């Protein structure tokens, strides 16, 4: 049912199994489907502590050519980032995978760094969320302008393959198990400003300590293999800090400093440990500690720490988190709000 709902073709997909013990060996299954409207406009406004106020407007057509070709356009605006995306998704193929073609314009102004990026390319993703492989090829054109520093242009043809193993009891709100993902890619010479390789690894684990207490652990690391970060498009470099990385610090405020700006580095690493005590079935309290940073050289990759307390709420779209964190290096308290899982 999860896969049917994820296709975008159905507003609802539900399955029921006949409860009659006489059919225990071969129980009939009834599937009830409600088709999604072919065309749909949607929009909304919201608030996030990383980007403050935000608004989004979308248009979907789930059968653009009469053969299942999906079209989606998105316009998103917040205080730090504005982007427009157009996406065409082919009907799912057998074996189960989906191809998408994407074009995106992105403007950001974060921690003193202004970027303007264009990206277009292709992705292929397999359907099984517990063993999911993703292939992608994108062409990036990037313009970076750190405050009080000369403008930098770069471009890259970047190809990547990634795989995720999710061995958890619940994909949206796990309480037991682990998830691991790895991505490897590169930009070849000639069609990129600078040839480079890139890799990311992410690991998360959930351990029940007792019937009401849960331990959540997370570790991530990434690297861009090149002699320098000059000529690497901004979306392929690393910064850290914020709601879903190192709490206690402003969004993407951790990384190399150039002039008055925090820019992307070639390396990042972070780790987190959190204990949640569920007071009721759907809400609880948490204590946590985060550590991490981003840098342009390995020996500069020194962790900074954030720790604090927060509230947790189980929702249909994943865990809702409201945290109060103290950033040790920043010597300040920050409120963080986030929903769902990072990977």
Protein backbone atom coordinates (compact mmCIF):
# COMPACT_ATOMS: atom_id res chain seq x y z
CA UNK A 1 0.00 0.00 0.00
CA UNK A 2 2.86 2.36 0.76
CA UNK A 3 4.18 1.98 -2.78
CA UNK A 4 0.76 2.60 -4.32
CA UNK A 5 0.27 5.73 -2.23
CA UNK A 6 3.76 6.92 -3.18
CA UNK A 7 3.11 6.74 -6.94
CA UNK A 8 1.04 9.93 -6.91
CA UNK A 9 -1.74 8.35 -8.99
CA UNK A 10 -4.03 7.64 -6.04
CA UNK A 11 -5.57 9.84 -3.37
CA UNK A 12 -6.05 6.74 -1.20
CA UNK A 13 -5.01 3.08 -1.30
CA UNK A 14 -6.25 0.66 1.36
CA UNK A 15 -6.17 -3.13 1.71
CA UNK A 16 -8.35 -5.40 3.84
CA UNK A 17 -7.98 -9.12 4.54
CA UNK A 18 -10.96 -11.40 5.13
CA UNK A 19 -10.95 -12.31 8.87
CA UNK A 20 -12.72 -15.68 8.39
CA UNK A 21 -10.48 -18.46 9.87
CA UNK A 22 -11.72 -20.75 7.08
CA UNK A 23 -9.55 -18.76 4.66
CA UNK A 24 -6.44 -18.74 6.86
CA UNK A 25 -4.29 -20.48 4.22
CA UNK A 26 -5.43 -18.30 1.30
CA UNK A 27 -7.31 -15.29 2.62
CA UNK A 28 -8.72 -13.00 -0.08
CA UNK A 29 -7.36 -9.46 -0.07
CA UNK A 30 -9.48 -6.53 -1.18
CA UNK A 31 -7.76 -3.38 -2.37
CA UNK A 32 -9.75 -0.12 -2.47
CA UNK A 33 -8.32 2.68 -4.60
CA UNK A 34 -9.40 6.29 -5.04
CA UNK A 35 -7.81 8.00 -8.02
CA UNK A 36 -6.06 11.30 -7.42
CA UNK A 37 -7.32 14.31 -9.38
CA UNK A 38 -5.44 14.63 -12.66
CA UNK A 39 -4.59 18.28 -12.05
CA UNK A 40 -4.09 19.95 -8.70
CA UNK A 41 -2.92 23.30 -7.38
CA UNK A 42 -1.69 23.40 -3.79
CA UNK A 43 -0.02 25.91 -1.57
CA UNK A 44 0.82 26.69 1.99
CA UNK A 45 2.68 28.83 4.45
CA UNK A 46 4.72 27.68 7.41
CA UNK A 47 7.44 28.38 9.91
CA UNK A 48 10.77 26.66 10.53
CA UNK A 49 13.47 27.77 12.93
CA UNK A 50 16.16 27.27 10.24
CA UNK A 51 14.54 29.55 7.65
CA UNK A 52 11.75 31.32 9.60
CA UNK A 53 8.64 32.03 7.52
CA UNK A 54 8.14 30.20 4.25
CA UNK A 55 5.57 29.79 1.50
CA UNK A 56 5.11 27.19 -1.23
CA UNK A 57 2.98 26.97 -4.39
CA UNK A 58 2.76 23.75 -6.44
CA UNK A 59 1.00 22.43 -9.53
CA UNK A 60 0.65 18.72 -10.33
CA UNK A 61 -0.59 16.87 -13.40
CA UNK A 62 -0.38 13.10 -12.83
CA UNK A 63 -1.25 12.14 -16.43
CA UNK A 64 0.24 14.80 -18.67
CA UNK A 65 0.41 12.68 -21.85
CA UNK A 66 -2.42 10.20 -21.20
CA UNK A 67 0.13 7.43 -20.46
CA UNK A 68 1.05 8.20 -16.87
CA UNK A 69 3.69 10.92 -17.33
CA UNK A 70 3.64 13.09 -14.20
CA UNK A 71 4.48 16.78 -14.13
CA UNK A 72 5.17 18.84 -11.02
CA UNK A 73 6.24 22.43 -10.57
CA UNK A 74 7.20 23.97 -7.23
CA UNK A 75 7.90 27.51 -6.14
CA UNK A 76 9.25 27.92 -2.59
CA UNK A 77 10.19 31.13 -0.84
CA UNK A 78 11.59 31.70 2.64
CA UNK A 79 13.83 34.21 4.35
CA UNK A 80 17.06 32.49 3.24
CA UNK A 81 16.28 30.45 0.15
CA UNK A 82 14.12 30.81 -2.94
CA UNK A 83 13.84 28.06 -5.54
CA UNK A 84 11.77 26.97 -8.52
CA UNK A 85 11.66 23.33 -9.64
CA UNK A 86 10.13 21.54 -12.63
CA UNK A 87 9.96 17.74 -12.55
CA UNK A 88 8.76 15.14 -15.08
CA UNK A 89 8.33 11.58 -13.75
CA UNK A 90 7.77 8.62 -16.05
CA UNK A 91 5.29 5.91 -15.11
CA UNK A 92 6.90 3.23 -12.87
CA UNK A 93 8.71 0.48 -14.79
CA UNK A 94 9.25 -3.24 -14.20
CA UNK A 95 11.36 -4.16 -12.27
CA UNK A 96 10.05 -1.52 -9.88
CA UNK A 97 11.88 1.76 -10.45
CA UNK A 98 10.98 5.32 -11.41
CA UNK A 99 12.81 7.76 -13.70
CA UNK A 100 12.55 11.53 -13.18
CA UNK A 101 13.91 14.51 -15.10
CA UNK A 102 14.41 17.67 -13.06
CA UNK A 103 15.39 21.31 -13.60
CA UNK A 104 15.93 23.68 -10.67
CA UNK A 105 16.81 27.33 -10.04
CA UNK A 106 18.01 28.16 -6.54
CA UNK A 107 19.02 31.37 -4.75
CA UNK A 108 20.30 31.40 -1.17
CA UNK A 109 21.62 33.99 1.26
CA UNK A 110 22.87 32.10 4.32
CA UNK A 111 25.60 33.00 6.84
CA UNK A 112 27.06 35.73 4.64
CA UNK A 113 27.22 33.57 1.49
CA UNK A 114 25.00 34.36 -1.50
CA UNK A 115 24.61 31.61 -4.11
CA UNK A 116 22.78 31.31 -7.41
CA UNK A 117 22.57 27.79 -8.80
CA UNK A 118 21.06 26.08 -11.83
CA UNK A 119 20.82 22.28 -11.96
CA UNK A 120 19.19 19.91 -14.40
CA UNK A 121 19.41 16.17 -14.80
CA UNK A 122 17.99 12.68 -14.29
CA UNK A 123 17.36 10.38 -11.33
CA UNK A 124 16.33 6.73 -11.11
CA UNK A 125 15.04 5.34 -7.82
CA UNK A 126 13.98 1.81 -6.97
CA UNK A 127 10.66 1.32 -5.20
CA UNK A 128 11.62 -0.76 -2.14
CA UNK A 129 12.20 1.81 0.61
CA UNK A 130 13.96 -0.78 2.78
CA UNK A 131 16.57 -1.55 0.10
CA UNK A 132 16.57 1.51 -2.12
CA UNK A 133 19.07 2.36 -4.84
CA UNK A 134 19.27 5.78 -6.47
CA UNK A 135 21.18 6.76 -9.61
CA UNK A 136 21.50 10.36 -10.75
CA UNK A 137 23.32 12.57 -13.23
CA UNK A 138 23.10 16.36 -12.97
CA UNK A 139 24.76 19.35 -14.56
CA UNK A 140 25.38 22.23 -12.14
CA UNK A 141 26.13 25.87 -12.86
CA UNK A 142 26.95 27.74 -9.65
CA UNK A 143 27.73 31.31 -8.68
CA UNK A 144 29.03 31.99 -5.14
CA UNK A 145 29.54 35.41 -3.61
CA UNK A 146 30.85 35.47 -0.05
CA UNK A 147 30.42 38.84 1.64
CA UNK A 148 33.33 41.18 0.75
CA UNK A 149 35.02 38.54 -1.48
CA UNK A 150 35.34 38.20 -5.28
CA UNK A 151 32.51 36.35 -7.06
CA UNK A 152 33.26 32.72 -8.04
CA UNK A 153 31.74 30.78 -10.97
CA UNK A 154 31.84 26.99 -11.33
CA UNK A 155 30.16 24.16 -13.20
CA UNK A 156 30.17 20.37 -13.04
CA UNK A 157 28.66 17.30 -14.62
CA UNK A 158 28.08 15.13 -11.56
CA UNK A 159 27.05 11.46 -11.53
CA UNK A 160 26.19 9.58 -8.34
CA UNK A 161 24.94 6.23 -7.11
CA UNK A 162 23.52 5.68 -3.64
CA UNK A 163 21.94 2.89 -1.65
CA UNK A 164 19.94 2.90 1.59
CA UNK A 165 19.38 -0.06 3.91
CA UNK A 166 16.53 0.57 6.36
CA UNK A 167 16.08 -2.22 8.91
CA UNK A 168 13.55 -0.57 11.21
CA UNK A 169 10.19 -1.43 12.69
CA UNK A 170 8.51 1.68 11.21
CA UNK A 171 9.88 3.66 8.27
CA UNK A 172 8.31 6.96 9.35
CA UNK A 173 8.80 6.78 13.12
CA UNK A 174 11.27 4.00 14.00
CA UNK A 175 11.71 2.84 17.58
CA UNK A 176 14.01 -0.12 16.92
CA UNK A 177 16.55 -1.03 14.25
CA UNK A 178 19.04 0.84 12.09
CA UNK A 179 19.35 2.69 8.79
CA UNK A 180 22.49 3.08 6.73
CA UNK A 181 23.00 4.94 3.46
CA UNK A 182 26.01 5.59 1.27
CA UNK A 183 26.48 7.75 -1.81
CA UNK A 184 29.45 7.86 -4.19
CA UNK A 185 29.86 10.20 -7.13
CA UNK A 186 32.19 12.35 -9.13
CA UNK A 187 32.68 15.10 -11.66
CA UNK A 188 34.96 14.22 -14.61
CA UNK A 189 37.52 16.63 -16.09
CA UNK A 190 36.71 18.57 -19.23
CA UNK A 191 33.00 18.99 -18.44
CA UNK A 192 33.62 20.27 -14.90
CA UNK A 193 35.55 23.30 -13.68
CA UNK A 194 37.57 20.88 -11.57
CA UNK A 195 37.60 17.07 -11.50
CA UNK A 196 36.54 15.64 -8.13
CA UNK A 197 35.08 12.69 -6.29
CA UNK A 198 32.49 12.83 -3.54
CA UNK A 199 31.17 10.43 -0.92
CA UNK A 200 28.73 10.50 2.00
CA UNK A 201 27.90 7.84 4.63
CA UNK A 202 25.05 8.07 7.15
CA UNK A 203 24.16 5.69 9.98
CA UNK A 204 21.30 5.89 12.48
CA UNK A 205 20.18 3.44 15.15
CA UNK A 206 17.22 3.18 17.54
CA UNK A 207 17.49 1.09 20.72
CA UNK A 208 14.61 0.60 23.20
CA UNK A 209 16.02 0.87 26.74
CA UNK A 210 12.73 -0.10 28.33
CA UNK A 211 9.05 0.01 27.41
CA UNK A 212 8.94 3.83 27.57
CA UNK A 213 12.54 4.89 26.94
CA UNK A 214 14.39 4.97 23.63
CA UNK A 215 17.99 5.71 22.66
CA UNK A 216 18.61 7.23 19.21
CA UNK A 217 22.13 7.42 17.77
CA UNK A 218 23.33 9.01 14.53
CA UNK A 219 26.63 9.51 12.73
CA UNK A 220 27.42 11.05 9.33
CA UNK A 221 30.50 11.96 7.33
CA UNK A 222 31.21 13.26 3.85
CA UNK A 223 34.18 14.23 1.70
CA UNK A 224 34.90 15.87 -1.63
CA UNK A 225 38.14 14.49 -3.06
CA UNK A 226 39.90 17.37 -4.81
CA UNK A 227 43.02 19.45 -4.27
CA UNK A 228 40.90 22.50 -3.37
CA UNK A 229 37.25 23.48 -3.08
CA UNK A 230 37.73 26.19 -5.71
CA UNK A 231 35.69 25.30 -8.79
CA UNK A 232 33.33 22.91 -6.96
CA UNK A 233 29.65 23.98 -7.22
CA UNK A 234 28.22 25.17 -3.90
CA UNK A 235 25.47 22.47 -3.66
CA UNK A 236 28.17 19.76 -3.64
CA UNK A 237 30.18 21.19 -0.73
CA UNK A 238 29.33 20.92 2.97
CA UNK A 239 28.14 23.23 5.72
CA UNK A 240 26.54 22.25 9.01
CA UNK A 241 24.49 23.62 11.90
CA UNK A 242 20.74 23.84 12.38
CA UNK A 243 17.63 21.84 13.22
CA UNK A 244 18.71 18.49 11.72
CA UNK A 245 22.52 18.61 12.07
CA UNK A 246 24.18 20.29 15.06
CA UNK A 247 21.57 21.92 17.26
CA UNK A 248 22.55 25.05 19.18
CA UNK A 249 23.91 26.74 16.03
CA UNK A 250 22.33 28.75 13.22
CA UNK A 251 21.41 27.06 9.94
CA UNK A 252 24.56 26.28 7.89
CA UNK A 253 26.71 28.52 10.10
CA UNK A 254 29.41 25.87 10.64
CA UNK A 255 32.14 25.58 8.03
CA UNK A 256 35.18 27.37 6.59
CA UNK A 257 35.23 31.16 6.91
CA UNK A 258 36.01 33.31 3.85
CA UNK A 259 35.77 37.03 4.51
CA UNK A 260 32.59 37.52 6.52
CA UNK A 261 30.91 34.36 5.20
CA UNK A 262 30.64 30.69 6.11
CA UNK A 263 31.25 28.78 2.87
CA UNK A 264 31.11 25.13 1.90
CA UNK A 265 34.02 22.86 2.77
CA UNK A 266 35.32 19.57 1.40
CA UNK A 267 34.70 17.62 4.61
CA UNK A 268 32.03 17.27 7.25
CA UNK A 269 31.23 14.96 10.12
CA UNK A 270 28.59 14.89 12.82
CA UNK A 271 27.30 12.61 15.56
CA UNK A 272 24.29 12.73 17.86
CA UNK A 273 22.94 10.84 20.86
CA UNK A 274 19.43 11.31 22.18
CA UNK A 275 17.31 9.67 24.88
CA UNK A 276 13.52 9.98 24.64
CA UNK A 277 11.17 9.18 27.51
CA UNK A 278 7.59 8.67 26.30
CA UNK A 279 5.18 10.11 28.85
CA UNK A 280 2.16 9.00 26.83
CA UNK A 281 1.66 6.97 23.65
CA UNK A 282 2.15 9.96 21.36
CA UNK A 283 4.35 12.45 23.25
CA UNK A 284 7.51 12.50 25.31
CA UNK A 285 10.56 14.45 26.41
CA UNK A 286 14.17 14.17 25.22
CA UNK A 287 17.71 15.04 26.21
CA UNK A 288 20.43 15.13 23.54
CA UNK A 289 23.99 16.02 22.62
CA UNK A 290 25.20 16.82 19.08
CA UNK A 291 28.74 17.22 17.79
CA UNK A 292 30.02 18.12 14.34
CA UNK A 293 31.49 20.63 11.93
CA UNK A 294 32.52 21.21 8.31
CA UNK A 295 35.96 22.21 7.06
CA UNK A 296 38.07 22.48 3.92
CA UNK A 297 40.97 20.46 5.36
CA UNK A 298 40.82 17.31 7.45
CA UNK A 299 43.00 18.69 10.25
CA UNK A 300 40.63 21.67 10.57
CA UNK A 301 37.63 19.40 11.14
CA UNK A 302 37.24 19.98 14.87
CA UNK A 303 33.85 19.27 16.43
CA UNK A 304 31.71 21.84 18.17
CA UNK A 305 29.05 20.71 20.63
CA UNK A 306 25.40 21.42 21.24
CA UNK A 307 23.18 19.90 23.91
CA UNK A 308 19.75 20.44 25.33
CA UNK A 309 16.23 19.19 26.01
CA UNK A 310 13.09 18.98 23.94
CA UNK A 311 9.60 17.66 23.39
CA UNK A 312 8.61 14.86 21.01
CA UNK A 313 5.28 14.18 19.32
CA UNK A 314 4.44 11.22 17.09
CA UNK A 315 2.58 12.35 13.95
CA UNK A 316 1.46 10.64 10.70
CA UNK A 317 4.36 12.30 8.82
CA UNK A 318 7.04 11.35 11.34
CA UNK A 319 8.31 12.63 14.69
CA UNK A 320 7.77 16.30 15.54
CA UNK A 321 10.64 17.79 17.57
CA UNK A 322 10.79 21.04 19.51
CA UNK A 323 14.21 21.54 21.13
CA UNK A 324 16.02 24.09 23.26
CA UNK A 325 19.76 23.70 22.60
CA UNK A 326 22.89 25.38 23.93
CA UNK A 327 25.72 25.82 21.43
CA UNK A 328 28.93 25.58 23.42
CA UNK A 329 31.11 27.38 20.84
CA UNK A 330 28.46 30.01 20.09
CA UNK A 331 27.69 30.46 23.81
CA UNK A 332 24.00 30.91 23.07
CA UNK A 333 20.63 29.16 23.35
CA UNK A 334 18.59 28.39 20.23
CA UNK A 335 15.13 26.93 19.66
CA UNK A 336 14.89 24.23 16.97
CA UNK A 337 11.78 22.78 15.35
CA UNK A 338 11.78 19.89 12.86
CA UNK A 339 9.52 17.13 11.54
CA UNK A 340 10.38 13.74 10.03
CA UNK A 341 13.66 11.90 9.48
CA UNK A 342 16.80 13.11 7.72
CA UNK A 343 17.33 9.87 5.76
